[in-house]
Amino acid sequence: MQFNDEFAGNLRAARARADLSQGEVAEKVGINIGTLQKYESGDMTPGADKLPAIAEALGVTPNVLLGWSK
């Protein structure tokens, strides 16, 4: 599995656990919904400036999204 695919899966799973819509997460992070959709599909990876904001919005650590902790 490539990094983008793993990140995308972790992001979708964390969003589902947080019971948030894509729109809600995008608003909390300050990005548009299309960008979040690209993150979740694996077409794009967030930069170091957005990763902590996404993690905070979902109530997880960046490591969880990156697949570095179980």
C-alpha atoms as a PDB file:
ATOM      1  CA  MET A   1       0.000   0.000   0.000  1.00  0.00           C
ATOM      2  CA  GLN A   2       1.353   3.381  -0.930  1.00  0.00           C
ATOM      3  CA  PHE A   3       1.616   6.226   1.554  1.00  0.00           C
ATOM      4  CA  ASN A   4      -1.227   8.280   0.032  1.00  0.00           C
ATOM      5  CA  ASP A   5      -3.577   5.293   0.132  1.00  0.00           C
ATOM      6  CA  GLU A   6      -2.746   4.545   3.766  1.00  0.00           C
ATOM      7  CA  PHE A   7      -3.109   8.186   4.785  1.00  0.00           C
ATOM      8  CA  ALA A   8      -6.410   8.486   2.903  1.00  0.00           C
ATOM      9  CA  GLY A   9      -7.800   5.389   4.618  1.00  0.00           C
ATOM     10  CA  ASN A  10      -6.687   6.584   8.035  1.00  0.00           C
ATOM     11  CA  LEU A  11      -8.232   9.990   7.395  1.00  0.00           C
ATOM     12  CA  ARG A  12     -11.575   8.517   6.309  1.00  0.00           C
ATOM     13  CA  ALA A  13     -11.614   6.195   9.326  1.00  0.00           C
ATOM     14  CA  ALA A  14     -10.775   8.991  11.771  1.00  0.00           C
ATOM     15  CA  ARG A  15     -13.477  11.208  10.284  1.00  0.00           C
ATOM     16  CA  ALA A  16     -16.020   8.390  10.605  1.00  0.00           C
ATOM     17  CA  ARG A  17     -15.036   7.787  14.243  1.00  0.00           C
ATOM     18  CA  ALA A  18     -15.389  11.521  14.926  1.00  0.00           C
ATOM     19  CA  ASP A  19     -18.827  11.422  13.248  1.00  0.00           C
ATOM     20  CA  LEU A  20     -18.069  14.514  11.168  1.00  0.00           C
ATOM     21  CA  SER A  21     -18.976  15.291   7.584  1.00  0.00           C
ATOM     22  CA  GLN A  22     -16.370  16.310   5.046  1.00  0.00           C
ATOM     23  CA  GLY A  23     -17.806  19.816   5.139  1.00  0.00           C
ATOM     24  CA  GLU A  24     -17.491  20.038   8.916  1.00  0.00           C
ATOM     25  CA  VAL A  25     -13.867  18.922   8.857  1.00  0.00           C
ATOM     26  CA  ALA A  26     -13.003  21.233   5.966  1.00  0.00           C
ATOM     27  CA  GLU A  27     -14.529  24.185   7.819  1.00  0.00           C
ATOM     28  CA  LYS A  28     -12.653  23.387  11.047  1.00  0.00           C
ATOM     29  CA  VAL A  29      -9.366  23.091   9.161  1.00  0.00           C
ATOM     30  CA  GLY A  30      -9.901  26.124   6.947  1.00  0.00           C
ATOM     31  CA  ILE A  31      -9.772  24.328   3.598  1.00  0.00           C
ATOM     32  CA  ASN A  32     -12.409  23.790   0.945  1.00  0.00           C
ATOM     33  CA  ILE A  33     -14.308  20.544   0.778  1.00  0.00           C
ATOM     34  CA  GLY A  34     -12.764  19.664  -2.593  1.00  0.00           C
ATOM     35  CA  THR A  35      -9.315  19.670  -1.023  1.00  0.00           C
ATOM     36  CA  LEU A  36     -10.460  17.361   1.768  1.00  0.00           C
ATOM     37  CA  GLN A  37     -12.042  15.054  -0.799  1.00  0.00           C
ATOM     38  CA  LYS A  38      -8.691  14.867  -2.607  1.00  0.00           C
ATOM     39  CA  TYR A  39      -6.964  14.002   0.678  1.00  0.00           C
ATOM     40  CA  GLU A  40      -9.525  11.252   1.337  1.00  0.00           C
ATOM     41  CA  SER A  41      -9.210   9.817  -2.170  1.00  0.00           C
ATOM     42  CA  GLY A  42      -5.407   9.758  -2.020  1.00  0.00           C
ATOM     43  CA  ASP A  43      -5.070  12.205  -4.910  1.00  0.00           C
ATOM     44  CA  MET A  44      -3.390  14.790  -2.675  1.00  0.00           C
ATOM     45  CA  THR A  45      -1.498  14.792   0.615  1.00  0.00           C
ATOM     46  CA  PRO A  46      -1.743  17.709   3.045  1.00  0.00           C
ATOM     47  CA  GLY A  47       1.323  19.767   3.760  1.00  0.00           C
ATOM     48  CA  ALA A  48       2.982  19.970   7.142  1.00  0.00           C
ATOM     49  CA  ASP A  49       0.970  23.105   7.887  1.00  0.00           C
ATOM     50  CA  LYS A  50      -2.420  21.364   7.460  1.00  0.00           C
ATOM     51  CA  LEU A  51      -1.715  17.942   8.965  1.00  0.00           C
ATOM     52  CA  PRO A  52      -1.832  19.103  12.632  1.00  0.00           C
ATOM     53  CA  ALA A  53      -5.044  21.059  11.988  1.00  0.00           C
ATOM     54  CA  ILE A  54      -6.718  18.027  10.413  1.00  0.00           C
ATOM     55  CA  ALA A  55      -5.626  15.814  13.301  1.00  0.00           C
ATOM     56  CA  GLU A  56      -6.902  18.312  15.870  1.00  0.00           C
ATOM     57  CA  ALA A  57     -10.255  18.625  14.098  1.00  0.00           C
ATOM     58  CA  LEU A  58     -10.617  14.836  14.236  1.00  0.00           C
ATOM     59  CA  GLY A  59      -9.374  14.430  17.815  1.00  0.00           C
ATOM     60  CA  VAL A  60      -6.365  12.309  16.877  1.00  0.00           C
ATOM     61  CA  THR A  61      -2.634  12.842  16.574  1.00  0.00           C
ATOM     62  CA  PRO A  62      -0.877  13.351  13.248  1.00  0.00           C
ATOM     63  CA  ASN A  63       0.853  10.016  13.881  1.00  0.00           C
ATOM     64  CA  VAL A  64      -2.501   8.224  13.765  1.00  0.00           C
ATOM     65  CA  LEU A  65      -3.284   9.764  10.380  1.00  0.00           C
ATOM     66  CA  LEU A  66       0.159   8.849   9.103  1.00  0.00           C
ATOM     67  CA  GLY A  67      -0.205   5.274  10.326  1.00  0.00           C
ATOM     68  CA  TRP A  68       2.718   5.559  12.716  1.00  0.00           C
ATOM     69  CA  SER A  69       0.893   4.356  15.805  1.00  0.00           C
ATOM     70  CA  LYS A  70      -1.723   1.789  16.569  1.00  0.00           C
END
